[in-house]
């Protein structure tokens, strides 16, 4: 199966999960998983949230920022992958002057 993000409409989600500014996303979902191509402009964030019943992975494509996971900050940049296991809490923050572009997968765990 091919998921072609180039031909998907970007959705703008203001204050996603309580975050700052807007989260721009192109996403594919089925009954168990969500696959996303996301973008956070300078100063934007995905709010702090806990993964209950699923996990999430971010692969940073472009830019820099930071992740707040379980109370600790970690720097991220292009080429890095962040993993948030089931039951953990995280947030993604663009504290740079340019866009933070990433690929994310939220996988339900049974």
N, C-alpha and C. Protein backbone atom coordinates (compact mmCIF):
# COMPACT_ATOMS: atom_id res chain seq x y z
N UNK A 1 0.85 -1.18 0.00
CA UNK A 1 0.00 0.00 0.00
C UNK A 1 0.89 1.24 0.00
N UNK A 2 0.59 2.18 -0.86
CA UNK A 2 1.31 3.45 -0.94
C UNK A 2 0.44 4.54 -0.34
N UNK A 3 1.03 5.34 0.51
CA UNK A 3 0.36 6.52 1.07
C UNK A 3 1.10 7.73 0.51
N UNK A 4 0.44 8.48 -0.34
CA UNK A 4 1.07 9.59 -1.06
C UNK A 4 0.70 10.92 -0.40
N UNK A 5 1.54 11.37 0.50
CA UNK A 5 1.28 12.62 1.22
C UNK A 5 1.31 13.84 0.30
N UNK A 6 2.00 13.73 -0.85
CA UNK A 6 2.08 14.87 -1.77
C UNK A 6 0.71 15.28 -2.29
N UNK A 7 -0.23 14.35 -2.34
CA UNK A 7 -1.55 14.65 -2.90
C UNK A 7 -2.63 14.76 -1.84
N UNK A 8 -2.24 14.84 -0.58
CA UNK A 8 -3.21 15.02 0.51
C UNK A 8 -3.32 16.49 0.87
N UNK A 9 -4.49 16.88 1.29
CA UNK A 9 -4.70 18.25 1.76
C UNK A 9 -4.17 18.37 3.19
N UNK A 10 -3.44 19.44 3.44
CA UNK A 10 -2.92 19.68 4.77
C UNK A 10 -4.03 20.25 5.65
N UNK A 11 -4.21 19.66 6.83
CA UNK A 11 -5.18 20.15 7.80
C UNK A 11 -4.44 21.03 8.81
N UNK A 12 -5.07 22.11 9.22
CA UNK A 12 -4.49 23.00 10.23
C UNK A 12 -5.28 22.80 11.52
N UNK A 13 -4.58 22.32 12.55
CA UNK A 13 -5.22 22.03 13.83
C UNK A 13 -4.70 23.01 14.87
N UNK A 14 -5.51 24.03 15.22
CA UNK A 14 -5.06 25.01 16.20
C UNK A 14 -4.96 24.41 17.60
N UNK A 15 -3.91 24.81 18.33
CA UNK A 15 -3.72 24.43 19.73
C UNK A 15 -3.91 22.93 19.96
N UNK A 16 -3.31 22.11 19.08
CA UNK A 16 -3.48 20.65 19.13
C UNK A 16 -3.03 20.09 20.48
N UNK A 17 -3.92 19.40 21.14
CA UNK A 17 -3.68 18.79 22.47
C UNK A 17 -3.24 19.83 23.49
N UNK A 18 -3.69 21.09 23.29
CA UNK A 18 -3.35 22.16 24.21
C UNK A 18 -2.04 22.86 23.89
N UNK A 19 -1.48 22.58 22.72
CA UNK A 19 -0.21 23.18 22.33
C UNK A 19 -0.35 24.62 21.87
N UNK A 20 0.77 25.22 21.53
CA UNK A 20 0.84 26.60 21.05
C UNK A 20 0.65 26.64 19.54
N UNK A 21 0.06 27.71 19.05
CA UNK A 21 -0.14 27.95 17.62
C UNK A 21 -0.87 26.77 16.96
N UNK A 22 -0.42 26.36 15.76
CA UNK A 22 -1.14 25.34 15.00
C UNK A 22 -0.22 24.20 14.57
N UNK A 23 -0.82 23.04 14.43
CA UNK A 23 -0.15 21.84 13.92
C UNK A 23 -0.70 21.60 12.52
N UNK A 24 0.16 21.62 11.52
CA UNK A 24 -0.24 21.35 10.13
C UNK A 24 0.06 19.89 9.85
N UNK A 25 -0.95 19.14 9.38
CA UNK A 25 -0.76 17.70 9.23
C UNK A 25 -1.49 17.15 8.01
N UNK A 26 -0.85 16.18 7.39
CA UNK A 26 -1.48 15.33 6.38
C UNK A 26 -1.49 13.95 7.00
N UNK A 27 -2.65 13.30 7.07
CA UNK A 27 -2.67 12.03 7.79
C UNK A 27 -3.51 10.96 7.12
N UNK A 28 -3.07 9.73 7.36
CA UNK A 28 -3.77 8.52 6.95
C UNK A 28 -4.15 7.77 8.22
N UNK A 29 -5.38 7.31 8.30
CA UNK A 29 -5.80 6.51 9.45
C UNK A 29 -6.55 5.28 8.98
N UNK A 30 -6.41 4.23 9.76
CA UNK A 30 -7.27 3.06 9.59
C UNK A 30 -7.85 2.76 10.96
N UNK A 31 -8.38 1.58 11.17
CA UNK A 31 -9.04 1.29 12.44
C UNK A 31 -8.07 1.10 13.60
N UNK A 32 -6.76 1.04 13.36
CA UNK A 32 -5.79 0.80 14.44
C UNK A 32 -4.59 1.74 14.46
N UNK A 33 -4.32 2.44 13.37
CA UNK A 33 -3.09 3.22 13.27
C UNK A 33 -3.33 4.57 12.63
N UNK A 34 -2.41 5.50 12.91
CA UNK A 34 -2.43 6.80 12.26
C UNK A 34 -1.01 7.09 11.78
N UNK A 35 -0.88 7.48 10.52
CA UNK A 35 0.40 7.80 9.91
C UNK A 35 0.32 9.23 9.43
N UNK A 36 1.28 10.07 9.85
CA UNK A 36 1.17 11.51 9.61
C UNK A 36 2.46 12.12 9.08
N UNK A 37 2.29 13.13 8.25
CA UNK A 37 3.37 14.02 7.85
C UNK A 37 3.01 15.36 8.48
N UNK A 38 3.78 15.77 9.49
CA UNK A 38 3.42 16.96 10.25
C UNK A 38 4.42 18.09 10.11
N UNK A 39 3.93 19.27 10.46
CA UNK A 39 4.76 20.48 10.40
C UNK A 39 4.35 21.41 11.53
N UNK A 40 5.34 21.88 12.26
CA UNK A 40 5.13 22.90 13.28
C UNK A 40 5.92 24.14 12.88
N UNK A 41 5.25 25.27 12.75
CA UNK A 41 5.94 26.51 12.45
C UNK A 41 6.71 26.96 13.70
N UNK A 42 7.56 27.93 13.54
CA UNK A 42 8.33 28.47 14.66
C UNK A 42 7.40 28.85 15.81
N UNK A 43 7.72 28.37 17.02
CA UNK A 43 6.92 28.69 18.20
C UNK A 43 5.71 27.80 18.42
N UNK A 44 5.45 26.87 17.51
CA UNK A 44 4.29 25.98 17.65
C UNK A 44 4.67 24.71 18.42
N UNK A 45 3.66 24.07 18.98
CA UNK A 45 3.91 22.83 19.71
C UNK A 45 2.68 21.93 19.66
N UNK A 46 2.93 20.65 19.90
CA UNK A 46 1.87 19.68 20.17
C UNK A 46 1.85 19.56 21.68
N UNK A 47 0.70 19.79 22.30
CA UNK A 47 0.60 19.81 23.75
C UNK A 47 0.95 18.49 24.42
N UNK A 48 1.26 18.58 25.68
CA UNK A 48 1.63 17.44 26.50
C UNK A 48 0.44 16.47 26.59
N UNK A 49 0.69 15.20 26.27
CA UNK A 49 -0.36 14.18 26.32
C UNK A 49 0.24 12.81 26.61
N UNK A 50 -0.60 11.92 27.12
CA UNK A 50 -0.17 10.57 27.50
C UNK A 50 -0.73 9.57 26.50
N UNK A 51 0.09 8.61 26.12
CA UNK A 51 -0.34 7.56 25.18
C UNK A 51 -0.88 6.37 25.95
N UNK A 52 -2.19 6.26 25.96
CA UNK A 52 -2.90 5.15 26.62
C UNK A 52 -3.37 4.21 25.52
N UNK A 53 -2.86 3.00 25.48
CA UNK A 53 -3.29 2.02 24.48
C UNK A 53 -2.57 2.10 23.16
N UNK A 54 -1.65 3.06 23.02
CA UNK A 54 -0.86 3.15 21.78
C UNK A 54 0.50 3.77 22.09
N UNK A 55 1.36 3.74 21.10
CA UNK A 55 2.67 4.37 21.21
C UNK A 55 2.81 5.32 20.02
N UNK A 56 3.84 6.16 20.05
CA UNK A 56 4.06 7.09 18.94
C UNK A 56 5.54 7.23 18.66
N UNK A 57 5.85 7.34 17.37
CA UNK A 57 7.21 7.59 16.92
C UNK A 57 7.22 8.82 16.04
N UNK A 58 8.19 9.73 16.25
CA UNK A 58 8.42 10.89 15.38
C UNK A 58 9.77 10.71 14.72
N UNK A 59 9.84 10.84 13.42
CA UNK A 59 11.12 10.91 12.71
C UNK A 59 11.25 12.33 12.17
N UNK A 60 12.26 13.05 12.60
CA UNK A 60 12.42 14.45 12.21
C UNK A 60 13.05 14.50 10.81
N UNK A 61 12.33 15.15 9.90
CA UNK A 61 12.77 15.27 8.51
C UNK A 61 13.57 16.55 8.30
N UNK A 62 13.11 17.63 8.93
CA UNK A 62 13.72 18.94 8.69
C UNK A 62 13.54 19.80 9.94
N UNK A 63 14.59 20.54 10.28
CA UNK A 63 14.50 21.49 11.39
C UNK A 63 15.00 20.92 12.71
N UNK A 64 14.79 21.72 13.76
CA UNK A 64 15.20 21.35 15.11
C UNK A 64 14.10 21.73 16.09
N UNK A 65 14.15 21.11 17.25
CA UNK A 65 13.18 21.41 18.29
C UNK A 65 13.50 20.63 19.54
N UNK A 66 12.50 20.43 20.36
CA UNK A 66 12.70 19.64 21.56
C UNK A 66 11.44 18.85 21.88
N UNK A 67 11.66 17.75 22.58
CA UNK A 67 10.59 16.89 23.07
C UNK A 67 10.62 16.99 24.59
N UNK A 68 9.45 17.11 25.19
CA UNK A 68 9.31 16.98 26.63
C UNK A 68 8.71 15.61 26.87
N UNK A 69 9.48 14.70 27.48
CA UNK A 69 8.99 13.34 27.72
C UNK A 69 9.18 13.00 29.19
N UNK A 70 8.07 12.65 29.81
CA UNK A 70 8.09 12.26 31.23
C UNK A 70 8.86 13.25 32.08
N UNK A 71 8.65 14.56 31.79
CA UNK A 71 9.24 15.61 32.60
C UNK A 71 10.65 16.04 32.22
N UNK A 72 11.25 15.44 31.20
CA UNK A 72 12.61 15.80 30.79
C UNK A 72 12.64 16.23 29.33
N UNK A 73 13.43 17.27 29.04
CA UNK A 73 13.57 17.77 27.68
C UNK A 73 14.69 17.04 26.95
N UNK A 74 14.46 16.77 25.67
CA UNK A 74 15.46 16.17 24.78
C UNK A 74 15.47 16.96 23.49
N UNK A 75 16.64 17.31 22.97
CA UNK A 75 16.77 18.01 21.70
C UNK A 75 16.54 17.03 20.56
N UNK A 76 15.89 17.49 19.50
CA UNK A 76 15.71 16.69 18.29
C UNK A 76 16.11 17.52 17.09
N UNK A 77 16.58 16.83 16.05
CA UNK A 77 16.95 17.49 14.80
C UNK A 77 16.78 16.49 13.67
N UNK A 78 16.89 16.99 12.44
CA UNK A 78 16.72 16.14 11.26
C UNK A 78 17.58 14.89 11.37
N UNK A 79 16.95 13.74 11.10
CA UNK A 79 17.64 12.46 11.15
C UNK A 79 17.45 11.71 12.46
N UNK A 80 16.83 12.36 13.45
CA UNK A 80 16.59 11.71 14.74
C UNK A 80 15.16 11.19 14.82
N UNK A 81 15.00 10.14 15.64
CA UNK A 81 13.69 9.54 15.87
C UNK A 81 13.39 9.58 17.37
N UNK A 82 12.22 10.03 17.73
CA UNK A 82 11.75 10.03 19.12
C UNK A 82 10.68 8.95 19.24
N UNK A 83 10.74 8.17 20.32
CA UNK A 83 9.78 7.11 20.57
C UNK A 83 9.12 7.34 21.92
N UNK A 84 7.79 7.34 21.94
CA UNK A 84 7.01 7.47 23.17
C UNK A 84 6.23 6.18 23.37
N UNK A 85 6.68 5.30 24.28
CA UNK A 85 5.99 4.03 24.51
C UNK A 85 4.63 4.22 25.18
N UNK A 86 3.83 3.20 25.11
CA UNK A 86 2.52 3.18 25.76
C UNK A 86 2.68 3.55 27.24
N UNK A 87 1.77 4.40 27.71
CA UNK A 87 1.77 4.81 29.11
C UNK A 87 2.66 5.99 29.44
N UNK A 88 3.40 6.52 28.46
CA UNK A 88 4.29 7.65 28.71
C UNK A 88 3.68 8.94 28.16
N UNK A 89 4.24 10.07 28.63
CA UNK A 89 3.72 11.40 28.30
C UNK A 89 4.78 12.18 27.53
N UNK A 90 4.33 12.89 26.47
CA UNK A 90 5.29 13.70 25.71
C UNK A 90 4.63 14.88 25.03
N UNK A 91 5.48 15.77 24.53
CA UNK A 91 5.08 16.95 23.77
C UNK A 91 6.20 17.24 22.77
N UNK A 92 5.86 17.80 21.62
CA UNK A 92 6.85 18.19 20.62
C UNK A 92 6.78 19.71 20.47
N UNK A 93 7.93 20.37 20.55
CA UNK A 93 8.00 21.83 20.58
C UNK A 93 8.99 22.33 19.54
N UNK A 94 8.54 23.27 18.71
CA UNK A 94 9.45 23.92 17.76
C UNK A 94 9.92 25.22 18.38
N UNK A 95 11.13 25.21 18.94
CA UNK A 95 11.70 26.41 19.54
C UNK A 95 12.75 27.06 18.63
N UNK A 96 12.68 26.72 17.34
CA UNK A 96 13.63 27.28 16.36
C UNK A 96 12.95 28.37 15.54
N UNK A 97 13.71 28.96 14.62
CA UNK A 97 13.19 30.02 13.76
C UNK A 97 12.61 29.52 12.44
N UNK A 98 12.69 28.20 12.19
CA UNK A 98 12.16 27.65 10.94
C UNK A 98 11.23 26.48 11.24
N UNK A 99 10.56 25.98 10.22
CA UNK A 99 9.61 24.88 10.39
C UNK A 99 10.29 23.62 10.92
N UNK A 100 9.56 22.87 11.72
CA UNK A 100 9.97 21.55 12.18
C UNK A 100 9.05 20.56 11.45
N UNK A 101 9.63 19.76 10.57
CA UNK A 101 8.87 18.84 9.73
C UNK A 101 9.20 17.41 10.17
N UNK A 102 8.17 16.58 10.30
CA UNK A 102 8.39 15.23 10.82
C UNK A 102 7.37 14.25 10.25
N UNK A 103 7.72 12.99 10.38
CA UNK A 103 6.86 11.87 10.01
C UNK A 103 6.52 11.18 11.33
N UNK A 104 5.25 10.90 11.57
CA UNK A 104 4.85 10.30 12.84
C UNK A 104 3.93 9.10 12.61
N UNK A 105 4.06 8.11 13.48
CA UNK A 105 3.18 6.95 13.46
C UNK A 105 2.66 6.74 14.88
N UNK A 106 1.33 6.66 15.00
CA UNK A 106 0.70 6.27 16.26
C UNK A 106 0.14 4.87 16.02
N UNK A 107 0.72 3.92 16.74
CA UNK A 107 0.36 2.51 16.53
C UNK A 107 -0.36 1.98 17.76
N UNK A 108 -1.59 1.50 17.55
CA UNK A 108 -2.35 0.90 18.64
C UNK A 108 -1.71 -0.41 19.05
N UNK A 109 -1.69 -0.66 20.32
CA UNK A 109 -1.11 -1.91 20.82
C UNK A 109 -2.20 -2.71 21.52
N UNK A 110 -2.30 -3.96 21.17
CA UNK A 110 -3.31 -4.84 21.77
C UNK A 110 -2.64 -5.87 22.62
